[in-house]
Amino acid sequence: MASSTSTITATMIATFFLLLLPSFYAAEILTNRKSSSLPRSDVDLLEFPLNLEYLEAEFFLWGSLGRGLDRIAPNLTQGGPPPIGAKAAKLDPLTRDIIVQFAFQEVGHLRAIKSTVPGFPRPLLNLSAASFATVMDNAFGRPLVPPFDPYANELNYLLASYVVPYVGLTGYVGANPKLQSATAKRLVAGLLGVESGQDAVLRALLYKRAAKKVAPYGITVAEFTNNISKLRNKLGRAGVKDEGLIVKPFQGAEGRVTGNVLAGDRYSISFDRTPEEILRIVYGGGDESVPGGFYPKGADGRIARSHLKAKRT
């Protein structure tokens, strides 16, 4: 009886002190307890996507609302630096409505991951118009004049949105078979479902405009998507895992269509990517050990840091 009483007392005292702690530290303790039951490899694979989720959350929040995580959910940044160059985009009401929904979905994804694994502070992100302009210049192999500005109008913003979210989707597909625990598999399946939905909406909005020429370049929307996809394949260095909105018939579903509103392999199964392939793409240089692109100082998490460390040594 005495032992039982002392246990209850100890639990009450521990709970009391937990309540006195700042919310950040209390949440960190609880998170560490939750992640302690996960295999180390699962923790690493769940933390890595935070890099992409941070980027998408900030890009969608700023684009639709003109403010980011520091205003919407500052606790989720864990003190990480604010993004470079992010700003409100000139969007029509429908596009803004959709992007606002995406933005808060990404906030939810950050919460979901951080409630399962410890996570890390928001890395430095370069979301400037110049950063996206560099991607587009590389996609076409020449400077676009004037430089591409993702925030100039809704079409440019949708094309810029085509650049990143799909990469995260392929990462979840690649991570899923490597996960060991049911908790991790359930979380990734849920994240993948919504990320896939976002990609489908973006591709459908662009597919409707596939033949439209993007001013002032005289280049169609379909050409933009095809070139961006080719660039990601080139940077990823792992074959074809990306397709634009219009493909040759043999690449379409069952080899019978040229429309490609959803990308997939010969069996219409989603492509997969490894963390290394993703880093090669988002760093913009095809090397997982050399930061750049959207991550001037590199991505975070044990997987990303291991490649940065390997480069230094």
Protein backbone atom coordinates (compact mmCIF):
# COMPACT_ATOMS: atom_id res chain seq x y z
CA MET A 1 0.00 0.00 0.00
CA ALA A 2 2.86 2.35 0.92
CA SER A 3 4.61 1.55 -2.36
CA SER A 4 1.45 2.31 -4.33
CA THR A 5 0.97 5.62 -2.51
CA SER A 6 4.56 6.68 -3.15
CA THR A 7 4.21 5.86 -6.85
CA ILE A 8 1.07 7.97 -7.14
CA THR A 9 2.77 10.82 -5.26
CA ALA A 10 5.82 10.67 -7.52
CA THR A 11 3.61 10.76 -10.61
CA MET A 12 1.71 13.79 -9.31
CA ILE A 13 4.95 15.62 -8.54
CA ALA A 14 6.36 14.85 -11.98
CA THR A 15 3.16 16.07 -13.63
CA PHE A 16 3.22 19.25 -11.56
CA PHE A 17 6.77 20.11 -12.62
CA LEU A 18 5.96 19.27 -16.24
CA LEU A 19 3.16 21.81 -16.14
CA LEU A 20 5.56 24.43 -14.75
CA LEU A 21 7.96 23.96 -17.65
CA PRO A 22 7.69 26.27 -20.65
CA SER A 23 5.45 24.66 -23.24
CA PHE A 24 8.32 24.11 -25.67
CA TYR A 25 10.33 22.01 -23.22
CA ALA A 26 7.29 20.13 -22.01
CA ALA A 27 6.36 19.27 -25.58
CA GLU A 28 9.94 18.19 -26.29
CA ILE A 29 9.93 15.80 -23.31
CA LEU A 30 6.63 14.28 -24.39
CA THR A 31 7.82 13.98 -27.99
CA ASN A 32 11.03 12.27 -26.95
CA ARG A 33 8.98 9.74 -24.98
CA LYS A 34 6.82 9.03 -28.02
CA SER A 35 9.76 8.63 -30.40
CA SER A 36 11.73 6.42 -28.00
CA SER A 37 9.66 3.41 -29.09
CA LEU A 38 10.46 3.96 -32.78
CA PRO A 39 13.48 2.39 -34.49
CA ARG A 40 16.26 4.90 -35.11
CA SER A 41 15.88 4.46 -38.87
CA ASP A 42 12.16 5.31 -38.64
CA VAL A 43 12.94 8.48 -36.70
CA ASP A 44 15.44 9.55 -39.35
CA LEU A 45 13.04 8.83 -42.21
CA LEU A 46 10.21 10.72 -40.48
CA GLU A 47 12.38 13.73 -39.64
CA PHE A 48 13.85 14.17 -43.11
CA PRO A 49 10.52 15.25 -44.73
CA LEU A 50 10.32 18.16 -42.28
CA ASN A 51 12.72 19.94 -44.63
CA LEU A 52 10.16 19.83 -47.44
CA GLU A 53 7.19 20.46 -45.13
CA TYR A 54 8.84 23.61 -43.78
CA LEU A 55 9.43 24.83 -47.33
CA GLU A 56 5.88 24.11 -48.48
CA ALA A 57 4.32 25.62 -45.35
CA GLU A 58 6.28 28.85 -45.70
CA PHE A 59 5.78 29.14 -49.48
CA PHE A 60 2.04 28.55 -49.28
CA LEU A 61 1.51 30.71 -46.19
CA TRP A 62 3.44 33.65 -47.57
CA GLY A 63 1.99 33.29 -51.05
CA SER A 64 -1.62 33.28 -49.89
CA LEU A 65 -1.54 35.29 -46.64
CA GLY A 66 1.59 37.41 -46.81
CA ARG A 67 2.93 35.99 -43.55
CA GLY A 68 4.60 32.77 -42.49
CA LEU A 69 5.09 30.40 -39.60
CA ASP A 70 6.53 33.10 -37.36
CA ARG A 71 3.06 34.63 -37.27
CA ILE A 72 0.86 31.57 -37.78
CA ALA A 73 2.57 28.93 -35.62
CA PRO A 74 5.84 30.29 -34.20
CA ASN A 75 6.33 27.31 -31.88
CA LEU A 76 6.77 25.03 -34.90
CA THR A 77 9.85 26.92 -36.12
CA GLN A 78 11.81 25.98 -32.97
CA GLY A 79 13.72 29.24 -33.38
CA GLY A 80 14.90 28.58 -36.95
CA PRO A 81 15.66 31.61 -39.17
CA PRO A 82 12.89 33.20 -41.23
CA PRO A 83 12.86 32.44 -44.96
CA ILE A 84 14.61 34.69 -47.45
CA GLY A 85 12.50 36.60 -49.96
CA ALA A 86 9.08 35.06 -49.27
CA LYS A 87 6.15 37.38 -49.93
CA ALA A 88 2.49 37.54 -50.87
CA ALA A 89 1.63 36.56 -54.42
CA LYS A 90 -0.90 38.26 -56.68
CA LEU A 91 -3.54 35.54 -56.75
CA ASP A 92 -7.11 35.41 -57.95
CA PRO A 93 -9.71 34.48 -55.28
CA LEU A 94 -9.97 30.80 -56.25
CA THR A 95 -6.22 30.21 -56.33
CA ARG A 96 -5.76 32.04 -53.04
CA ASP A 97 -8.51 29.96 -51.45
CA ILE A 98 -6.83 26.72 -52.57
CA ILE A 99 -3.35 27.80 -51.49
CA VAL A 100 -4.63 28.90 -48.07
CA GLN A 101 -6.01 25.41 -47.61
CA PHE A 102 -2.68 23.90 -48.67
CA ALA A 103 -0.86 26.23 -46.29
CA PHE A 104 -2.76 25.13 -43.20
CA GLN A 105 -2.55 21.50 -44.29
CA GLU A 106 1.24 21.88 -44.26
CA VAL A 107 1.09 23.40 -40.78
CA GLY A 108 -0.83 20.30 -39.73
CA HIS A 109 1.82 18.08 -41.31
CA LEU A 110 4.53 19.81 -39.29
CA ARG A 111 2.51 19.25 -36.11
CA ALA A 112 1.91 15.59 -36.98
CA ILE A 113 5.56 14.82 -37.58
CA LYS A 114 6.75 16.77 -34.55
CA SER A 115 4.23 14.97 -32.35
CA THR A 116 5.86 11.68 -33.35
CA VAL A 117 9.60 12.48 -33.52
CA PRO A 118 11.71 15.27 -31.97
CA GLY A 119 12.26 17.14 -35.23
CA PHE A 120 14.58 20.10 -35.69
CA PRO A 121 14.39 23.90 -36.12
CA ARG A 122 13.28 25.37 -39.42
CA PRO A 123 16.30 25.46 -41.75
CA LEU A 124 17.20 28.61 -43.65
CA LEU A 125 15.03 28.68 -46.79
CA ASN A 126 15.55 30.79 -49.88
CA LEU A 127 12.08 31.46 -51.30
CA SER A 128 13.05 34.60 -53.17
CA ALA A 129 11.93 35.28 -56.71
CA ALA A 130 15.58 34.94 -57.75
CA SER A 131 15.73 31.42 -56.33
CA PHE A 132 12.77 30.30 -58.45
CA ALA A 133 14.10 32.22 -61.45
CA THR A 134 17.31 30.17 -61.23
CA VAL A 135 15.28 26.95 -61.32
CA MET A 136 13.40 28.08 -64.41
CA ASP A 137 16.59 29.24 -66.13
CA ASN A 138 18.18 25.85 -65.46
CA ALA A 139 15.06 24.08 -66.71
CA PHE A 140 15.29 25.85 -70.08
CA GLY A 141 19.07 26.01 -70.27
CA ARG A 142 19.04 29.77 -70.72
CA PRO A 143 18.07 32.90 -68.79
CA LEU A 144 14.42 33.83 -69.14
CA VAL A 145 13.90 37.52 -69.85
CA PRO A 146 12.59 39.06 -67.70
CA PRO A 147 13.54 36.74 -64.83
CA PHE A 148 10.69 34.45 -63.76
CA ASP A 149 8.79 35.85 -60.76
CA PRO A 150 6.66 33.30 -58.87
CA TYR A 151 4.80 36.01 -56.99
CA ALA A 152 3.77 38.09 -60.04
CA ASN A 153 0.46 36.35 -60.78
CA GLU A 154 -1.52 33.16 -60.15
CA LEU A 155 -0.17 31.29 -63.20
CA ASN A 156 3.44 31.94 -62.25
CA TYR A 157 2.64 30.94 -58.69
CA LEU A 158 1.06 27.66 -59.79
CA LEU A 159 4.12 26.89 -61.93
CA ALA A 160 6.37 27.66 -58.96
CA SER A 161 4.18 25.39 -56.81
CA TYR A 162 4.78 22.64 -59.37
CA VAL A 163 8.50 22.86 -58.59
CA VAL A 164 8.58 21.49 -55.03
CA PRO A 165 5.57 19.60 -53.55
CA TYR A 166 5.79 16.69 -55.98
CA VAL A 167 9.38 16.08 -54.83
CA GLY A 168 8.15 15.57 -51.27
CA LEU A 169 5.44 13.21 -52.51
CA THR A 170 7.99 10.94 -54.18
CA GLY A 171 10.01 11.02 -50.97
CA TYR A 172 7.11 9.63 -48.96
CA VAL A 173 6.59 6.89 -51.55
CA GLY A 174 10.28 6.00 -51.27
CA ALA A 175 10.32 6.04 -47.47
CA ASN A 176 7.23 3.89 -46.90
CA PRO A 177 8.72 0.42 -47.64
CA LYS A 178 11.77 1.22 -45.50
CA LEU A 179 9.75 1.96 -42.36
CA GLN A 180 9.56 -0.71 -39.67
CA SER A 181 6.94 0.47 -37.18
CA ALA A 182 3.19 0.65 -37.67
CA THR A 183 3.20 4.16 -36.17
CA ALA A 184 5.62 5.46 -38.80
CA LYS A 185 3.85 3.67 -41.66
CA ARG A 186 0.47 5.04 -40.60
CA LEU A 187 1.82 8.59 -40.41
CA VAL A 188 3.55 8.46 -43.79
CA ALA A 189 0.47 6.95 -45.44
CA GLY A 190 -1.64 9.81 -44.08
CA LEU A 191 0.86 12.46 -45.15
CA LEU A 192 1.21 10.89 -48.59
CA GLY A 193 -2.56 10.92 -49.09
CA VAL A 194 -2.84 14.68 -48.65
CA GLU A 195 0.41 15.51 -50.48
CA SER A 196 -0.83 13.45 -53.42
CA GLY A 197 -4.11 15.34 -53.33
CA GLN A 198 -2.30 18.67 -53.40
CA ASP A 199 -0.21 17.57 -56.36
CA ALA A 200 -3.33 16.40 -58.20
CA VAL A 201 -5.05 19.74 -57.67
CA LEU A 202 -2.00 21.70 -58.85
CA ARG A 203 -1.58 19.53 -61.93
CA ALA A 204 -5.29 19.77 -62.76
CA LEU A 205 -5.24 23.56 -62.51
CA LEU A 206 -2.20 23.68 -64.78
CA TYR A 207 -3.54 21.00 -67.14
CA LYS A 208 -6.57 23.19 -67.82
CA ARG A 209 -4.09 25.83 -69.02
CA ALA A 210 -1.64 23.41 -70.69
CA ALA A 211 -1.77 25.15 -74.08
CA LYS A 212 -1.74 28.67 -72.64
CA LYS A 213 1.42 30.65 -73.27
CA VAL A 214 3.05 32.12 -70.21
CA ALA A 215 3.62 35.85 -70.72
CA PRO A 216 5.95 37.31 -71.75
CA TYR A 217 7.96 34.20 -72.66
CA GLY A 218 5.73 32.67 -75.34
CA ILE A 219 6.26 29.27 -73.71
CA THR A 220 3.26 27.08 -72.95
CA VAL A 221 2.36 25.84 -69.49
CA ALA A 222 2.91 22.27 -70.69
CA GLU A 223 6.44 23.13 -71.84
CA PHE A 224 7.19 24.67 -68.45
CA THR A 225 6.08 21.53 -66.61
CA ASN A 226 7.90 19.21 -68.99
CA ASN A 227 11.15 21.13 -68.65
CA ILE A 228 10.89 21.33 -64.88
CA SER A 229 10.33 17.58 -64.73
CA LYS A 230 13.29 16.93 -67.02
CA LEU A 231 15.46 19.10 -64.79
CA ARG A 232 14.41 17.17 -61.68
CA ASN A 233 15.19 13.89 -63.42
CA LYS A 234 18.61 15.23 -64.40
CA LEU A 235 19.41 16.51 -60.90
CA GLY A 236 18.08 13.38 -59.18
CA ARG A 237 20.42 11.18 -61.24
CA ALA A 238 18.19 8.13 -60.89
CA GLY A 239 16.39 7.85 -64.20
CA VAL A 240 12.89 9.02 -65.08
CA LYS A 241 10.86 9.67 -61.94
CA ASP A 242 9.13 12.80 -63.12
CA GLU A 243 6.80 13.67 -65.98
CA GLY A 244 5.16 16.85 -67.18
CA LEU A 245 1.54 17.42 -68.14
CA ILE A 246 1.83 16.28 -71.77
CA VAL A 247 3.84 13.17 -72.65
CA LYS A 248 4.41 10.93 -75.65
CA PRO A 249 1.72 8.24 -75.98
CA PHE A 250 3.96 5.41 -74.80
CA GLN A 251 4.52 7.29 -71.53
CA GLY A 252 0.82 7.87 -70.85
CA ALA A 253 -1.51 5.57 -68.93
CA GLU A 254 -1.52 2.14 -70.60
CA GLY A 255 0.50 3.69 -73.43
CA ARG A 256 -2.68 5.16 -74.88
CA VAL A 257 -2.90 8.84 -73.90
CA THR A 258 -0.77 11.96 -74.04
CA GLY A 259 -2.57 13.77 -71.24
CA ASN A 260 -0.74 13.27 -67.97
CA VAL A 261 -2.70 14.99 -65.24
CA LEU A 262 -1.23 12.46 -62.77
CA ALA A 263 2.36 11.27 -63.09
CA GLY A 264 3.18 7.58 -62.75
CA ASP A 265 5.27 4.73 -64.10
CA ARG A 266 4.22 2.22 -66.79
CA TYR A 267 1.64 0.82 -64.37
CA SER A 268 0.49 4.30 -63.24
CA ILE A 269 2.18 3.75 -59.88
CA SER A 270 3.71 6.79 -58.16
CA PHE A 271 7.43 7.23 -58.58
CA ASP A 272 9.68 7.04 -55.53
CA ARG A 273 12.80 8.94 -54.50
CA THR A 274 15.45 8.51 -51.83
CA PRO A 275 16.49 11.34 -49.49
CA GLU A 276 19.71 11.65 -51.49
CA GLU A 277 17.81 12.16 -54.75
CA ILE A 278 15.63 14.78 -53.09
CA LEU A 279 18.63 16.69 -51.74
CA ARG A 280 20.23 16.70 -55.19
CA ILE A 281 17.08 18.32 -56.55
CA VAL A 282 16.27 20.90 -53.87
CA TYR A 283 19.93 21.95 -53.56
CA GLY A 284 19.78 22.63 -57.29
CA GLY A 285 23.17 21.22 -58.18
CA GLY A 286 22.72 17.47 -58.37
CA ASP A 287 24.92 16.80 -55.33
CA GLU A 288 23.45 15.82 -51.96
CA SER A 289 26.58 17.09 -50.19
CA VAL A 290 26.58 20.64 -51.58
CA PRO A 291 23.92 23.02 -50.16
CA GLY A 292 22.29 25.61 -52.36
CA GLY A 293 19.05 26.32 -54.12
CA PHE A 294 16.21 26.50 -51.63
CA TYR A 295 18.56 25.49 -48.76
CA PRO A 296 21.54 27.88 -48.71
CA LYS A 297 22.99 26.27 -45.56
CA GLY A 298 21.69 22.79 -46.23
CA ALA A 299 18.78 20.72 -44.97
CA ASP A 300 18.62 19.35 -41.41
CA GLY A 301 18.05 15.98 -39.76
CA ARG A 302 20.49 13.11 -39.36
CA ILE A 303 20.25 11.98 -43.01
CA ALA A 304 20.89 15.41 -44.52
CA ARG A 305 23.61 16.28 -41.98
CA SER A 306 25.45 13.02 -42.69
CA HIS A 307 26.00 14.11 -46.28
CA LEU A 308 27.13 17.59 -45.28
CA LYS A 309 29.55 16.05 -42.80
CA ALA A 310 30.88 13.64 -45.43
CA LYS A 311 31.61 16.60 -47.72
CA ARG A 312 33.51 18.47 -45.00
CA THR A 313 35.65 15.45 -44.15
